[in-house]
C-alpha cells in the first residue's frame, strides 16, 4: 500500500464522528467465580446520512472501544433523509423497545435523549421529534432507532408507489412554503 493510499484511507476514517453510547461491565460466571469484561457500544456517522453501530467486548475499556469502532465502521448504512429531518413518521421495534421518529420543521432541533439522540446526530438529522417507549435497555433502543431509520422511504419512492405527486407527500410546512 502506497503512502498516498494510507493517507487517503486515514482521512476517510477521520470524516466519521464517533459516539460512545454505553460502557457496561458484564460478568461470566465460571467455576472459580466471576470473570468480568467490558462491553462498549459505539455509533459512527458522517453527518450526511451514513451511520453504523458496533459493540465490542474485552478485558479493558480501550480494547473494547477499538473493537466496537471497527465493527461500527463495517456496519455503515445509508439513511434516507429529507433535508435536515426524516421524510415521514415511523416506528422502530426491537425486543421490548419501541422508538417513534417524527419529522419536524426547521429550527426544532433534535428532541431526543440518550442513544436515540446519538444515532440521529451522527446520522446528520438536525430537526426531529422522537419518543422512546417500552424497554429502556440502551442497546435495544439504539437498534430500534436503526430499525426505524431503515424503514424510511424517500418521497419520490413513496409517490411512485402510491401514484401521487411528490408535492402531495411533503410535510405540511413544506407544502405551505410552495403555496405562498
C-alpha atoms as a PDB file:
ATOM      1  CA  UNK A   1       0.000   0.000   0.000  1.00  0.00           C
ATOM      2  CA  UNK A   2       1.459   3.350  -1.035  1.00  0.00           C
ATOM      3  CA  UNK A   3       1.798   6.316   1.309  1.00  0.00           C
ATOM      4  CA  UNK A   4      -0.955   8.160  -0.603  1.00  0.00           C
ATOM      5  CA  UNK A   5      -3.420   5.269  -0.151  1.00  0.00           C
ATOM      6  CA  UNK A   6      -2.666   5.112   3.576  1.00  0.00           C
ATOM      7  CA  UNK A   7      -3.255   8.863   3.919  1.00  0.00           C
ATOM      8  CA  UNK A   8      -6.462   8.663   1.873  1.00  0.00           C
ATOM      9  CA  UNK A   9      -7.778   5.777   3.981  1.00  0.00           C
ATOM     10  CA  UNK A  10      -6.896   7.634   7.207  1.00  0.00           C
ATOM     11  CA  UNK A  11      -8.688  10.791   6.010  1.00  0.00           C
ATOM     12  CA  UNK A  12     -11.746   8.763   5.023  1.00  0.00           C
ATOM     13  CA  UNK A  13     -11.919   7.313   8.527  1.00  0.00           C
ATOM     14  CA  UNK A  14     -11.451  10.756  10.106  1.00  0.00           C
ATOM     15  CA  UNK A  15     -14.578  12.017   8.312  1.00  0.00           C
ATOM     16  CA  UNK A  16     -16.687   9.944  10.687  1.00  0.00           C
ATOM     17  CA  UNK A  17     -17.805  11.111  14.104  1.00  0.00           C
ATOM     18  CA  UNK A  18     -17.815   8.538  16.896  1.00  0.00           C
ATOM     19  CA  UNK A  19     -20.120   8.499  19.911  1.00  0.00           C
ATOM     20  CA  UNK A  20     -19.806   6.082  22.804  1.00  0.00           C
ATOM     21  CA  UNK A  21     -23.325   5.167  23.857  1.00  0.00           C
ATOM     22  CA  UNK A  22     -22.730   2.710  26.659  1.00  0.00           C
ATOM     23  CA  UNK A  23     -19.894   1.193  28.656  1.00  0.00           C
ATOM     24  CA  UNK A  24     -21.125  -1.782  30.674  1.00  0.00           C
ATOM     25  CA  UNK A  25     -19.301  -4.209  32.929  1.00  0.00           C
ATOM     26  CA  UNK A  26     -20.525  -7.712  32.168  1.00  0.00           C
ATOM     27  CA  UNK A  27     -19.796 -10.896  34.085  1.00  0.00           C
ATOM     28  CA  UNK A  28     -19.486 -14.540  33.107  1.00  0.00           C
ATOM     29  CA  UNK A  29     -19.930 -16.960  35.983  1.00  0.00           C
ATOM     30  CA  UNK A  30     -17.367 -19.759  35.906  1.00  0.00           C
ATOM     31  CA  UNK A  31     -16.350 -22.484  38.340  1.00  0.00           C
ATOM     32  CA  UNK A  32     -13.909 -20.259  40.240  1.00  0.00           C
ATOM     33  CA  UNK A  33     -16.191 -17.224  40.482  1.00  0.00           C
ATOM     34  CA  UNK A  34     -16.973 -14.376  38.069  1.00  0.00           C
ATOM     35  CA  UNK A  35     -14.973 -13.197  35.065  1.00  0.00           C
ATOM     36  CA  UNK A  36     -15.557  -9.529  34.322  1.00  0.00           C
ATOM     37  CA  UNK A  37     -15.281  -7.850  30.927  1.00  0.00           C
ATOM     38  CA  UNK A  38     -16.372  -4.518  29.471  1.00  0.00           C
ATOM     39  CA  UNK A  39     -18.937  -4.150  26.691  1.00  0.00           C
ATOM     40  CA  UNK A  40     -18.848  -0.887  24.747  1.00  0.00           C
ATOM     41  CA  UNK A  41     -21.485   0.290  22.260  1.00  0.00           C
ATOM     42  CA  UNK A  42     -20.378   2.877  19.689  1.00  0.00           C
ATOM     43  CA  UNK A  43     -22.226   4.735  16.924  1.00  0.00           C
ATOM     44  CA  UNK A  44     -20.281   6.132  13.949  1.00  0.00           C
ATOM     45  CA  UNK A  45     -21.601   8.540  11.313  1.00  0.00           C
ATOM     46  CA  UNK A  46     -20.583  11.165   8.764  1.00  0.00           C
ATOM     47  CA  UNK A  47     -23.476  13.598   9.467  1.00  0.00           C
ATOM     48  CA  UNK A  48     -24.617  13.151   5.848  1.00  0.00           C
ATOM     49  CA  UNK A  49     -26.920  10.164   6.257  1.00  0.00           C
ATOM     50  CA  UNK A  50     -24.398   7.354   6.758  1.00  0.00           C
ATOM     51  CA  UNK A  51     -24.419   5.708  10.180  1.00  0.00           C
ATOM     52  CA  UNK A  52     -23.349   2.428  11.798  1.00  0.00           C
ATOM     53  CA  UNK A  53     -23.393   0.754  15.201  1.00  0.00           C
ATOM     54  CA  UNK A  54     -20.966  -1.686  16.772  1.00  0.00           C
ATOM     55  CA  UNK A  55     -20.380  -3.391  20.080  1.00  0.00           C
ATOM     56  CA  UNK A  56     -17.070  -4.646  21.407  1.00  0.00           C
ATOM     57  CA  UNK A  57     -16.197  -6.728  24.438  1.00  0.00           C
ATOM     58  CA  UNK A  58     -12.777  -7.010  26.052  1.00  0.00           C
ATOM     59  CA  UNK A  59     -10.978  -7.127  29.392  1.00  0.00           C
ATOM     60  CA  UNK A  60     -10.072  -3.423  29.132  1.00  0.00           C
ATOM     61  CA  UNK A  61     -12.255  -0.494  28.024  1.00  0.00           C
ATOM     62  CA  UNK A  62      -9.879   0.875  25.324  1.00  0.00           C
ATOM     63  CA  UNK A  63      -9.703  -2.539  23.609  1.00  0.00           C
ATOM     64  CA  UNK A  64     -13.485  -2.861  23.719  1.00  0.00           C
ATOM     65  CA  UNK A  65     -13.845   0.661  22.260  1.00  0.00           C
ATOM     66  CA  UNK A  66     -11.469  -0.157  19.413  1.00  0.00           C
ATOM     67  CA  UNK A  67     -13.398  -3.353  18.593  1.00  0.00           C
ATOM     68  CA  UNK A  68     -16.738  -1.530  18.750  1.00  0.00           C
ATOM     69  CA  UNK A  69     -15.464   1.250  16.489  1.00  0.00           C
ATOM     70  CA  UNK A  70     -14.170  -1.223  13.901  1.00  0.00           C
ATOM     71  CA  UNK A  71     -17.476  -3.124  13.889  1.00  0.00           C
ATOM     72  CA  UNK A  72     -19.454   0.121  13.585  1.00  0.00           C
ATOM     73  CA  UNK A  73     -17.415   1.147  10.529  1.00  0.00           C
ATOM     74  CA  UNK A  74     -18.120  -2.248   8.925  1.00  0.00           C
ATOM     75  CA  UNK A  75     -21.859  -1.875   9.639  1.00  0.00           C
ATOM     76  CA  UNK A  76     -22.297   1.512   7.900  1.00  0.00           C
ATOM     77  CA  UNK A  77     -25.631   2.058   6.169  1.00  0.00           C
ATOM     78  CA  UNK A  78     -27.132   4.951   4.231  1.00  0.00           C
ATOM     79  CA  UNK A  79     -30.260   6.597   5.673  1.00  0.00           C
ATOM     80  CA  UNK A  80     -32.875   8.439   3.659  1.00  0.00           C
ATOM     81  CA  UNK A  81     -33.126  11.993   4.923  1.00  0.00           C
ATOM     82  CA  UNK A  82     -35.317  14.864   3.791  1.00  0.00           C
ATOM     83  CA  UNK A  83     -33.156  17.941   4.257  1.00  0.00           C
ATOM     84  CA  UNK A  84     -32.441  18.229   7.977  1.00  0.00           C
ATOM     85  CA  UNK A  85     -35.225  15.866   9.073  1.00  0.00           C
ATOM     86  CA  UNK A  86     -36.693  12.460   8.211  1.00  0.00           C
ATOM     87  CA  UNK A  87     -39.160  12.070   5.298  1.00  0.00           C
ATOM     88  CA  UNK A  88     -42.068  10.644   7.324  1.00  0.00           C
ATOM     89  CA  UNK A  89     -43.150   9.264  10.694  1.00  0.00           C
ATOM     90  CA  UNK A  90     -42.106   5.710  11.543  1.00  0.00           C
ATOM     91  CA  UNK A  91     -41.935   3.304  14.459  1.00  0.00           C
ATOM     92  CA  UNK A  92     -38.935   1.036  15.046  1.00  0.00           C
ATOM     93  CA  UNK A  93     -39.233  -2.081  17.189  1.00  0.00           C
ATOM     94  CA  UNK A  94     -36.588  -4.362  18.649  1.00  0.00           C
ATOM     95  CA  UNK A  95     -37.494  -6.739  21.503  1.00  0.00           C
ATOM     96  CA  UNK A  96     -39.407  -4.617  24.059  1.00  0.00           C
ATOM     97  CA  UNK A  97     -38.063  -1.258  22.853  1.00  0.00           C
ATOM     98  CA  UNK A  98     -40.119   0.944  20.532  1.00  0.00           C
ATOM     99  CA  UNK A  99     -38.869   4.234  19.077  1.00  0.00           C
ATOM    100  CA  UNK A 100     -41.144   6.706  17.272  1.00  0.00           C
ATOM    101  CA  UNK A 101     -39.493   9.148  14.848  1.00  0.00           C
ATOM    102  CA  UNK A 102     -41.487  12.144  13.580  1.00  0.00           C
ATOM    103  CA  UNK A 103     -40.333  14.800  11.103  1.00  0.00           C
ATOM    104  CA  UNK A 104     -40.076  18.354  12.424  1.00  0.00           C
ATOM    105  CA  UNK A 105     -39.855  21.780  10.813  1.00  0.00           C
ATOM    106  CA  UNK A 106     -36.526  23.584  10.505  1.00  0.00           C
ATOM    107  CA  UNK A 107     -35.278  25.068  13.776  1.00  0.00           C
ATOM    108  CA  UNK A 108     -36.915  22.469  16.025  1.00  0.00           C
ATOM    109  CA  UNK A 109     -33.687  20.685  16.932  1.00  0.00           C
ATOM    110  CA  UNK A 110     -33.222  17.081  17.986  1.00  0.00           C
ATOM    111  CA  UNK A 111     -35.878  16.317  20.584  1.00  0.00           C
ATOM    112  CA  UNK A 112     -34.444  13.016  21.792  1.00  0.00           C
ATOM    113  CA  UNK A 113     -32.348  11.611  24.595  1.00  0.00           C
ATOM    114  CA  UNK A 114     -29.669   9.017  25.170  1.00  0.00           C
ATOM    115  CA  UNK A 115     -28.954   6.520  22.447  1.00  0.00           C
ATOM    116  CA  UNK A 116     -31.603   7.867  20.054  1.00  0.00           C
ATOM    117  CA  UNK A 117     -30.014  11.341  20.118  1.00  0.00           C
ATOM    118  CA  UNK A 118     -26.527   9.937  19.499  1.00  0.00           C
ATOM    119  CA  UNK A 119     -27.679   7.920  16.462  1.00  0.00           C
ATOM    120  CA  UNK A 120     -29.643  10.816  14.933  1.00  0.00           C
ATOM    121  CA  UNK A 121     -26.896  13.394  15.481  1.00  0.00           C
ATOM    122  CA  UNK A 122     -24.154  11.316  13.840  1.00  0.00           C
ATOM    123  CA  UNK A 123     -26.581  10.489  11.002  1.00  0.00           C
ATOM    124  CA  UNK A 124     -26.961  14.214  10.288  1.00  0.00           C
ATOM    125  CA  UNK A 125     -30.558  14.756  11.416  1.00  0.00           C
ATOM    126  CA  UNK A 126     -30.948  18.237  12.908  1.00  0.00           C
ATOM    127  CA  UNK A 127     -34.754  18.565  13.285  1.00  0.00           C
ATOM    128  CA  UNK A 128     -36.801  15.658  14.629  1.00  0.00           C
ATOM    129  CA  UNK A 129     -39.287  14.673  17.324  1.00  0.00           C
ATOM    130  CA  UNK A 130     -38.848  11.266  18.986  1.00  0.00           C
ATOM    131  CA  UNK A 131     -40.437   9.155  21.663  1.00  0.00           C
ATOM    132  CA  UNK A 132     -38.885   6.081  23.219  1.00  0.00           C
ATOM    133  CA  UNK A 133     -41.483   3.662  24.540  1.00  0.00           C
ATOM    134  CA  UNK A 134     -41.341   0.298  26.256  1.00  0.00           C
ATOM    135  CA  UNK A 135     -37.947  -1.000  27.307  1.00  0.00           C
ATOM    136  CA  UNK A 136     -35.236   1.416  28.427  1.00  0.00           C
ATOM    137  CA  UNK A 137     -32.457  -1.058  27.526  1.00  0.00           C
ATOM    138  CA  UNK A 138     -29.972   1.224  25.728  1.00  0.00           C
ATOM    139  CA  UNK A 139     -28.805  -1.403  23.243  1.00  0.00           C
ATOM    140  CA  UNK A 140     -32.369  -2.297  22.203  1.00  0.00           C
ATOM    141  CA  UNK A 141     -33.384   1.375  21.982  1.00  0.00           C
ATOM    142  CA  UNK A 142     -30.447   2.100  19.640  1.00  0.00           C
ATOM    143  CA  UNK A 143     -31.262  -0.938  17.492  1.00  0.00           C
ATOM    144  CA  UNK A 144     -34.933   0.149  17.375  1.00  0.00           C
ATOM    145  CA  UNK A 145     -33.780   3.575  16.153  1.00  0.00           C
ATOM    146  CA  UNK A 146     -31.813   1.870  13.372  1.00  0.00           C
ATOM    147  CA  UNK A 147     -34.881  -0.236  12.541  1.00  0.00           C
ATOM    148  CA  UNK A 148     -36.984   2.932  12.249  1.00  0.00           C
ATOM    149  CA  UNK A 149     -34.359   4.641  10.058  1.00  0.00           C
ATOM    150  CA  UNK A 150     -34.113   1.556   7.828  1.00  0.00           C
ATOM    151  CA  UNK A 151     -37.882   1.757   7.199  1.00  0.00           C
ATOM    152  CA  UNK A 152     -37.641   5.286   5.802  1.00  0.00           C
ATOM    153  CA  UNK A 153     -38.658   5.741   2.177  1.00  0.00           C
ATOM    154  CA  UNK A 154     -37.827   8.769   0.070  1.00  0.00           C
ATOM    155  CA  UNK A 155     -40.788  10.944  -1.006  1.00  0.00           C
ATOM    156  CA  UNK A 156     -40.029  10.074  -4.663  1.00  0.00           C
ATOM    157  CA  UNK A 157     -40.204   6.314  -3.948  1.00  0.00           C
ATOM    158  CA  UNK A 158     -43.444   6.599  -1.997  1.00  0.00           C
ATOM    159  CA  UNK A 159     -45.062   8.919  -4.569  1.00  0.00           C
ATOM    160  CA  UNK A 160     -44.283   6.422  -7.339  1.00  0.00           C
ATOM    161  CA  UNK A 161     -45.639   3.532  -5.262  1.00  0.00           C
ATOM    162  CA  UNK A 162     -48.881   5.349  -4.412  1.00  0.00           C
ATOM    163  CA  UNK A 163     -49.360   7.030  -7.794  1.00  0.00           C
ATOM    164  CA  UNK A 164     -49.274  10.574  -6.393  1.00  0.00           C
ATOM    165  CA  UNK A 165     -47.221  13.691  -6.967  1.00  0.00           C
ATOM    166  CA  UNK A 166     -44.158  14.199  -4.773  1.00  0.00           C
ATOM    167  CA  UNK A 167     -45.537  17.591  -3.663  1.00  0.00           C
ATOM    168  CA  UNK A 168     -48.575  15.844  -2.108  1.00  0.00           C
ATOM    169  CA  UNK A 169     -46.347  13.795   0.195  1.00  0.00           C
ATOM    170  CA  UNK A 170     -44.171  16.622   1.542  1.00  0.00           C
ATOM    171  CA  UNK A 171     -44.702  17.703   5.179  1.00  0.00           C
ATOM    172  CA  UNK A 172     -47.278  20.470   5.674  1.00  0.00           C
ATOM    173  CA  UNK A 173     -44.661  23.153   6.382  1.00  0.00           C
ATOM    174  CA  UNK A 174     -43.015  22.411   3.019  1.00  0.00           C
ATOM    175  CA  UNK A 175     -46.387  22.494   1.197  1.00  0.00           C
ATOM    176  CA  UNK A 176     -47.201  25.814   2.903  1.00  0.00           C
ATOM    177  CA  UNK A 177     -43.961  27.337   1.533  1.00  0.00           C
ATOM    178  CA  UNK A 178     -44.910  26.276  -2.006  1.00  0.00           C
ATOM    179  CA  UNK A 179     -48.432  27.783  -1.778  1.00  0.00           C
ATOM    180  CA  UNK A 180     -47.203  31.192  -0.555  1.00  0.00           C
END
